[in-house]
Amino acid sequence: MRSAEQLSEPVPGRGASGFPSMSSLTEKDRPIVQLLLNAGTCPRCILRFCCVGSQTLYRHPDKDLMKDLQDFLQKNQEKEGTVCLEVVDPPCKRIRLEHTEEDPEDLNHNGALPQIPSESDGNAATESSAGKVCNVCLGILQDFCEADFVKRVCQKVNSADYQFTSFVFSVSLPPQLSVRERAAWLGVKQEMRNLGLSLEKDDIVQLKEAYKWIIHPQLAEELGVPADGKSLFEVSVVFAHPETDEECRFLATACPDCFKPAKNKQSVFTRMAVIKALEKIKEEDFLKHFPCPPSSPKNPCDALEIQCNNGAVFVAGRYNKYSRNLPQTPWIIDGERKLESSVEELISEHLMAEFKADSFNFSSSGREDVDVRTLGNGRPFAIELVNPRRIHFTAEEMKRLQQAINNSSDKIRVRDLQLVTREAIGRMKEGEEEKTKTYSALIWTDKAIQREDIALLDDIKELKLDQKTPLRVLHRRPLAVRCRIIHTMSSEYIDEHHFRLHLKTQAGTYIKEFVHGDFGRTKPNIGSLLNRTADILELDVESVDVDWPPTLDN
């Protein structure tokens, strides 16, 4: 690809349009320009196939580029001996004269010899290309580069009411553009071969790249923010074309294994499937089934969708749960809601409203049962807010949002509410098995107990348990035996049949099963240690020992 430095020209060399002239093109580009103009290719696609890498040149108006191309051809017509380069082989003329000795490789898809355009074809080609839909880009680099379309995109962005300080632009193209690109390249390659030259496919400027060169400055000016490839705010345009299936059908015949029906896909001719087929199909088979260069389309592309999307925002904090009738996440069985709310919903409904997000994903450092309270400094949690319209919040605004959550229900309380990064959330999950938790359990025994009967529990340290997956969670957890550790225990006598037990355990320990034994599936257990039947009446999480998120002074 030729760089912008190689393509620049002093001011005196400017064309009549006031823009840099086609001095960026050389004599070897002439057959490419002439061939593609004859075929109905737009000026910007011609620049792409001439491997022009000057971004500013693509931004010139289409009609001015067409005029410059016409001047380029006319200027070369007036130069004596510029029809053929010095490297041109005399067989160029022989090909036109000796039809009986043609090489099969020089035939186009219809079996006809390729025509080397003459100088007199310049004006006719220009006139035939003007106003037509490009046979390569299907109009992408024509009307969809104009100010009217840019304003249409920006109106969509502004009406969506997003907060953003930069943007990244993406475009989805009809699958058959890859087919037409290949056809144009094969046509040009054949023409260049006849002249003793070559053109590598990788040297051609990609359509998406050229389109972004043109559209980025216009969008940046209209939106008032810069284009940035790392921006979390994405503006995307989805282009479609009514003739996609018709033009790609020959590929399905040649490479049927590349096209498999897929769910949520209206057509088997997806971009990736078409590219895969183009990699497999032989060049001679392609030439037989598709005109090279491609013929003019019946219709232009259509901008099917203009979409906006903001990267996810992450909010973290700690929550206390004071109710014994509140699940952490919605409790729905067979499509029926069992309880009216959940910790997740009580927190997220306020965040969704303030951030104006499409959806959310809730995660936490472990979970408690519906009848278990979470006390102390609370359990760390994080919420991913998907496609939020609002993303900028001050510390004071986050504090007010936290207060609104706490005022809305007496079942939960949130603290340390703050914006965090995606990477920081990983710290919440780090050391899941290594962290410790502290519990308080109210325990009942069938046989009467005295203080000295439970005192032995206080002396037990680092007790190893073998816990087979509890019966109550076997429907959603794989059957396995897990080794867990009870680090310390401290008993508090209440009466002959009740005592409270404070435990510090390894994360992931099933406390209820450690108390009652789960029909012998957890060994040892409180029942076996005390030699009597034991059951748990209440359980509270006193602390979750994860130093995240950072404590705030609020």
Foldseek 3Di string as FASTA:
>chain_A
DDAQVLQDDDQVCPDPVSHHAVPSADLLLVQLLLVQLQQQAFLLQSCLQSLDDNLVVLQDARVVSLVRSLVVLVVQLPDPPSLADPLFDPCLVVVVVVVVPDDQVQAFLVRDHDDRDDSVCSVVSSVVNPPAQGLQQLQCSHPCLDLVVLVVLVVVVVVVQFDFQAEAEEEAGQQCSVVLLVLQQVLVQSVQVNRVHGGDSVSGDDPRVSSCSRNQVSNCVVNVHHHDPPAQKYKYWYKYDPCRCVSQVLLCVQCVVLFDDDPPDPGSSDNVSSVVSVVVDDPSSSRNRAGRNHHGDPHGIDRPDIDIFGHKWKKKWFKWFDAQQAFQAFDADPNRTDDDHHVVCLLVVLVCVVQVAPDKDKDWLDTDGSRATEDARGTMIMMIGTRGRYDDDDPVRQVVSQVVSVVVDPRMHIAPIDIDDPVVVVLRVPPSQPWKWKKKFKKFFPFFDDPVLCVVQQVDAFDKKWAFPAPVCCVPDPTDTDIWTWGGKDWADDGRTIIMIMTMIGRPDDQQCLAQVRVVRMPPHVCVSSVTGMGTDHMYTNDTPRCDDPHDPD
